[in-house]
């Protein structure tokens, strides 16, 4: 799963819900309905997870 969270930790969108094959994957976030600011993505794969900070500037 790949989710996007706002600065308060609220999930604002799920970008990937289904299981993906191993390897490289590209995802586009259609962020035009979101306000400028800081967001975080969280990727969960099996028992591992990774978070990345994003800055959205309109």
PDB file of N, CA and C in Angstrom:
ATOM      1  N   UNK A   1       0.836  -1.180   0.000  1.00  0.00           N
ATOM      2  CA  UNK A   1       0.000   0.000   0.000  1.00  0.00           C
ATOM      3  C   UNK A   1       0.880   1.243   0.000  1.00  0.00           C
ATOM      4  N   UNK A   2       0.366   2.273  -0.630  1.00  0.00           N
ATOM      5  CA  UNK A   2       1.047   3.562  -0.630  1.00  0.00           C
ATOM      6  C   UNK A   2       0.006   4.627  -0.309  1.00  0.00           C
ATOM      7  N   UNK A   3       0.163   5.268   0.843  1.00  0.00           N
ATOM      8  CA  UNK A   3      -0.789   6.270   1.316  1.00  0.00           C
ATOM      9  C   UNK A   3      -0.116   7.626   1.430  1.00  0.00           C
ATOM     10  N   UNK A   4      -0.925   8.684   1.321  1.00  0.00           N
ATOM     11  CA  UNK A   4      -0.462  10.057   1.517  1.00  0.00           C
ATOM     12  C   UNK A   4      -1.160  10.603   2.755  1.00  0.00           C
ATOM     13  N   UNK A   5      -0.383  11.236   3.650  1.00  0.00           N
ATOM     14  CA  UNK A   5      -0.896  11.804   4.899  1.00  0.00           C
ATOM     15  C   UNK A   5      -0.601  13.294   4.941  1.00  0.00           C
ATOM     16  N   UNK A   6      -1.490  14.051   5.588  1.00  0.00           N
ATOM     17  CA  UNK A   6      -1.215  15.471   5.784  1.00  0.00           C
ATOM     18  C   UNK A   6      -0.314  15.654   7.006  1.00  0.00           C
ATOM     19  N   UNK A   7       0.037  16.889   7.298  1.00  0.00           N
ATOM     20  CA  UNK A   7       0.975  17.196   8.382  1.00  0.00           C
ATOM     21  C   UNK A   7       0.431  16.788   9.753  1.00  0.00           C
ATOM     22  N   UNK A   8      -0.900  16.642   9.877  1.00  0.00           N
ATOM     23  CA  UNK A   8      -1.516  16.225  11.138  1.00  0.00           C
ATOM     24  C   UNK A   8      -1.629  14.706  11.259  1.00  0.00           C
ATOM     25  N   UNK A   9      -1.140  13.993  10.238  1.00  0.00           N
ATOM     26  CA  UNK A   9      -1.169  12.536  10.288  1.00  0.00           C
ATOM     27  C   UNK A   9      -2.451  11.905   9.782  1.00  0.00           C
ATOM     28  N   UNK A  10      -3.320  12.699   9.165  1.00  0.00           N
ATOM     29  CA  UNK A  10      -4.568  12.169   8.611  1.00  0.00           C
ATOM     30  C   UNK A  10      -4.322  11.650   7.198  1.00  0.00           C
ATOM     31  N   UNK A  11      -4.802  10.443   6.919  1.00  0.00           N
ATOM     32  CA  UNK A  11      -4.648   9.895   5.574  1.00  0.00           C
ATOM     33  C   UNK A  11      -5.552  10.677   4.632  1.00  0.00           C
ATOM     34  N   UNK A  12      -4.967  11.236   3.563  1.00  0.00           N
ATOM     35  CA  UNK A  12      -5.740  12.028   2.616  1.00  0.00           C
ATOM     36  C   UNK A  12      -5.996  11.290   1.310  1.00  0.00           C
ATOM     37  N   UNK A  13      -5.176  10.276   1.006  1.00  0.00           N
ATOM     38  CA  UNK A  13      -5.391   9.521  -0.223  1.00  0.00           C
ATOM     39  C   UNK A  13      -4.579   8.235  -0.204  1.00  0.00           C
ATOM     40  N   UNK A  14      -5.157   7.199  -0.794  1.00  0.00           N
ATOM     41  CA  UNK A  14      -4.427   5.945  -1.007  1.00  0.00           C
ATOM     42  C   UNK A  14      -4.081   5.886  -2.488  1.00  0.00           C
ATOM     43  N   UNK A  15      -2.779   5.777  -2.793  1.00  0.00           N
ATOM     44  CA  UNK A  15      -2.327   5.768  -4.180  1.00  0.00           C
ATOM     45  C   UNK A  15      -2.229   4.362  -4.749  1.00  0.00           C
ATOM     46  N   UNK A  16      -1.820   3.406  -3.937  1.00  0.00           N
ATOM     47  CA  UNK A  16      -1.728   2.009  -4.371  1.00  0.00           C
ATOM     48  C   UNK A  16      -2.377   1.150  -3.308  1.00  0.00           C
ATOM     49  N   UNK A  17      -3.322   0.320  -3.728  1.00  0.00           N
ATOM     50  CA  UNK A  17      -3.995  -0.558  -2.779  1.00  0.00           C
ATOM     51  C   UNK A  17      -3.702  -2.030  -3.066  1.00  0.00           C
ATOM     52  N   UNK A  18      -3.516  -2.363  -4.327  1.00  0.00           N
ATOM     53  CA  UNK A  18      -3.323  -3.769  -4.682  1.00  0.00           C
ATOM     54  C   UNK A  18      -1.843  -4.132  -4.656  1.00  0.00           C
ATOM     55  N   UNK A  19      -1.581  -5.394  -4.469  1.00  0.00           N
ATOM     56  CA  UNK A  19      -0.205  -5.902  -4.417  1.00  0.00           C
ATOM     57  C   UNK A  19       0.464  -5.717  -5.777  1.00  0.00           C
ATOM     58  N   UNK A  20       1.678  -5.211  -5.758  1.00  0.00           N
ATOM     59  CA  UNK A  20       2.451  -4.976  -6.975  1.00  0.00           C
ATOM     60  C   UNK A  20       3.538  -6.038  -7.112  1.00  0.00           C
ATOM     61  N   UNK A  21       3.934  -6.306  -8.339  1.00  0.00           N
ATOM     62  CA  UNK A  21       5.037  -7.230  -8.573  1.00  0.00           C
ATOM     63  C   UNK A  21       6.342  -6.569  -8.129  1.00  0.00           C
ATOM     64  N   UNK A  22       7.300  -7.385  -7.768  1.00  0.00           N
ATOM     65  CA  UNK A  22       8.608  -6.874  -7.359  1.00  0.00           C
ATOM     66  C   UNK A  22       9.235  -6.097  -8.509  1.00  0.00           C
ATOM     67  N   UNK A  23       9.971  -5.055  -8.168  1.00  0.00           N
ATOM     68  CA  UNK A  23      10.639  -4.250  -9.177  1.00  0.00           C
ATOM     69  C   UNK A  23      10.243  -2.791  -9.064  1.00  0.00           C
ATOM     70  N   UNK A  24      10.498  -2.063 -10.106  1.00  0.00           N
ATOM     71  CA  UNK A  24      10.258  -0.628 -10.119  1.00  0.00           C
ATOM     72  C   UNK A  24       8.805  -0.334 -10.472  1.00  0.00           C
ATOM     73  N   UNK A  25       8.246   0.667  -9.820  1.00  0.00           N
ATOM     74  CA  UNK A  25       6.857   1.070 -10.048  1.00  0.00           C
ATOM     75  C   UNK A  25       6.795   2.592 -10.018  1.00  0.00           C
ATOM     76  N   UNK A  26       6.031   3.179 -10.919  1.00  0.00           N
ATOM     77  CA  UNK A  26       5.891   4.634 -10.958  1.00  0.00           C
ATOM     78  C   UNK A  26       4.449   5.000 -10.651  1.00  0.00           C
ATOM     79  N   UNK A  27       4.270   6.004  -9.785  1.00  0.00           N
ATOM     80  CA  UNK A  27       2.945   6.454  -9.371  1.00  0.00           C
ATOM     81  C   UNK A  27       2.886   7.969  -9.518  1.00  0.00           C
ATOM     82  N   UNK A  28       1.776   8.466 -10.050  1.00  0.00           N
ATOM     83  CA  UNK A  28       1.554   9.906 -10.157  1.00  0.00           C
ATOM     84  C   UNK A  28       0.490  10.312  -9.153  1.00  0.00           C
ATOM     85  N   UNK A  29       0.791  11.322  -8.352  1.00  0.00           N
ATOM     86  CA  UNK A  29      -0.168  11.833  -7.374  1.00  0.00           C
ATOM     87  C   UNK A  29      -0.861  13.042  -7.975  1.00  0.00           C
ATOM     88  N   UNK A  30      -2.145  12.919  -8.240  1.00  0.00           N
ATOM     89  CA  UNK A  30      -2.958  14.030  -8.743  1.00  0.00           C
ATOM     90  C   UNK A  30      -3.290  14.921  -7.544  1.00  0.00           C
ATOM     91  N   UNK A  31      -2.440  15.894  -7.267  1.00  0.00           N
ATOM     92  CA  UNK A  31      -2.521  16.678  -6.029  1.00  0.00           C
ATOM     93  C   UNK A  31      -3.210  18.022  -6.218  1.00  0.00           C
ATOM     94  N   UNK A  32      -3.903  18.220  -7.331  1.00  0.00           N
ATOM     95  CA  UNK A  32      -4.498  19.533  -7.595  1.00  0.00           C
ATOM     96  C   UNK A  32      -5.623  19.901  -6.632  1.00  0.00           C
ATOM     97  N   UNK A  33      -6.215  18.935  -5.934  1.00  0.00           N
ATOM     98  CA  UNK A  33      -7.290  19.260  -4.984  1.00  0.00           C
ATOM     99  C   UNK A  33      -6.776  19.450  -3.550  1.00  0.00           C
ATOM    100  N   UNK A  34      -5.473  19.404  -3.367  1.00  0.00           N
ATOM    101  CA  UNK A  34      -4.880  19.541  -2.041  1.00  0.00           C
ATOM    102  C   UNK A  34      -4.199  20.898  -1.893  1.00  0.00           C
ATOM    103  N   UNK A  35      -4.202  21.410  -0.673  1.00  0.00           N
ATOM    104  CA  UNK A  35      -3.569  22.699  -0.383  1.00  0.00           C
ATOM    105  C   UNK A  35      -2.049  22.560  -0.362  1.00  0.00           C
ATOM    106  N   UNK A  36      -1.366  23.652  -0.620  1.00  0.00           N
ATOM    107  CA  UNK A  36       0.093  23.669  -0.488  1.00  0.00           C
ATOM    108  C   UNK A  36       0.465  23.325   0.945  1.00  0.00           C
ATOM    109  N   UNK A  37       1.597  22.677   1.120  1.00  0.00           N
ATOM    110  CA  UNK A  37       2.054  22.336   2.463  1.00  0.00           C
ATOM    111  C   UNK A  37       2.871  21.067   2.467  1.00  0.00           C
ATOM    112  N   UNK A  38       3.073  20.527   3.659  1.00  0.00           N
ATOM    113  CA  UNK A  38       3.865  19.318   3.830  1.00  0.00           C
ATOM    114  C   UNK A  38       2.954  18.103   3.909  1.00  0.00           C
ATOM    115  N   UNK A  39       3.385  17.044   3.254  1.00  0.00           N
ATOM    116  CA  UNK A  39       2.676  15.773   3.258  1.00  0.00           C
ATOM    117  C   UNK A  39       3.707  14.671   3.444  1.00  0.00           C
ATOM    118  N   UNK A  40       3.243  13.493   3.769  1.00  0.00           N
ATOM    119  CA  UNK A  40       4.106  12.332   3.915  1.00  0.00           C
ATOM    120  C   UNK A  40       3.508  11.181   3.126  1.00  0.00           C
ATOM    121  N   UNK A  41       4.369  10.384   2.523  1.00  0.00           N
ATOM    122  CA  UNK A  41       3.907   9.139   1.922  1.00  0.00           C
ATOM    123  C   UNK A  41       4.374   8.007   2.819  1.00  0.00           C
ATOM    124  N   UNK A  42       3.595   6.950   2.857  1.00  0.00           N
ATOM    125  CA  UNK A  42       3.989   5.767   3.619  1.00  0.00           C
ATOM    126  C   UNK A  42       3.766   4.554   2.736  1.00  0.00           C
ATOM    127  N   UNK A  43       4.843   3.850   2.446  1.00  0.00           N
ATOM    128  CA  UNK A  43       4.809   2.635   1.646  1.00  0.00           C
ATOM    129  C   UNK A  43       4.932   1.450   2.582  1.00  0.00           C
ATOM    130  N   UNK A  44       3.994   0.524   2.497  1.00  0.00           N
ATOM    131  CA  UNK A  44       4.029  -0.692   3.309  1.00  0.00           C
ATOM    132  C   UNK A  44       4.186  -1.875   2.371  1.00  0.00           C
ATOM    133  N   UNK A  45       5.202  -2.685   2.634  1.00  0.00           N
ATOM    134  CA  UNK A  45       5.472  -3.874   1.838  1.00  0.00           C
ATOM    135  C   UNK A  45       5.802  -5.012   2.786  1.00  0.00           C
ATOM    136  N   UNK A  46       4.878  -5.947   2.904  1.00  0.00           N
ATOM    137  CA  UNK A  46       5.084  -7.046   3.845  1.00  0.00           C
ATOM    138  C   UNK A  46       5.168  -6.504   5.257  1.00  0.00           C
ATOM    139  N   UNK A  47       6.272  -6.805   5.946  1.00  0.00           N
ATOM    140  CA  UNK A  47       6.441  -6.315   7.321  1.00  0.00           C
ATOM    141  C   UNK A  47       7.357  -5.092   7.382  1.00  0.00           C
ATOM    142  N   UNK A  48       7.619  -4.466   6.242  1.00  0.00           N
ATOM    143  CA  UNK A  48       8.465  -3.274   6.196  1.00  0.00           C
ATOM    144  C   UNK A  48       7.640  -2.061   5.775  1.00  0.00           C
ATOM    145  N   UNK A  49       8.057  -0.886   6.248  1.00  0.00           N
ATOM    146  CA  UNK A  49       7.411   0.349   5.807  1.00  0.00           C
ATOM    147  C   UNK A  49       8.464   1.445   5.673  1.00  0.00           C
ATOM    148  N   UNK A  50       8.141   2.418   4.842  1.00  0.00           N
ATOM    149  CA  UNK A  50       9.047   3.544   4.632  1.00  0.00           C
ATOM    150  C   UNK A  50       8.211   4.800   4.427  1.00  0.00           C
ATOM    151  N   UNK A  51       8.642   5.899   5.035  1.00  0.00           N
ATOM    152  CA  UNK A  51       7.944   7.177   4.900  1.00  0.00           C
ATOM    153  C   UNK A  51       8.868   8.211   4.271  1.00  0.00           C
ATOM    154  N   UNK A  52       8.280   9.075   3.455  1.00  0.00           N
ATOM    155  CA  UNK A  52       9.028  10.140   2.793  1.00  0.00           C
ATOM    156  C   UNK A  52       8.235  11.434   2.924  1.00  0.00           C
ATOM    157  N   UNK A  53       8.915  12.528   3.252  1.00  0.00           N
ATOM    158  CA  UNK A  53       8.280  13.844   3.376  1.00  0.00           C
ATOM    159  C   UNK A  53       8.191  14.493   1.993  1.00  0.00           C
ATOM    160  N   UNK A  54       7.033  15.085   1.693  1.00  0.00           N
ATOM    161  CA  UNK A  54       6.811  15.786   0.432  1.00  0.00           C
ATOM    162  C   UNK A  54       6.449  17.236   0.722  1.00  0.00           C
ATOM    163  N   UNK A  55       6.824  18.133  -0.165  1.00  0.00           N
ATOM    164  CA  UNK A  55       6.396  19.521  -0.091  1.00  0.00           C
ATOM    165  C   UNK A  55       5.597  19.822  -1.345  1.00  0.00           C
ATOM    166  N   UNK A  56       4.341  20.210  -1.165  1.00  0.00           N
ATOM    167  CA  UNK A  56       3.469  20.545  -2.289  1.00  0.00           C
ATOM    168  C   UNK A  56       3.395  22.060  -2.405  1.00  0.00           C
ATOM    169  N   UNK A  57       3.764  22.572  -3.573  1.00  0.00           N
ATOM    170  CA  UNK A  57       3.747  24.009  -3.830  1.00  0.00           C
ATOM    171  C   UNK A  57       2.857  24.249  -5.041  1.00  0.00           C
ATOM    172  N   UNK A  58       1.838  25.067  -4.853  1.00  0.00           N
ATOM    173  CA  UNK A  58       0.933  25.378  -5.974  1.00  0.00           C
ATOM    174  C   UNK A  58       1.442  26.547  -6.756  1.00  0.00           C
TER     175      UNK A  58
END
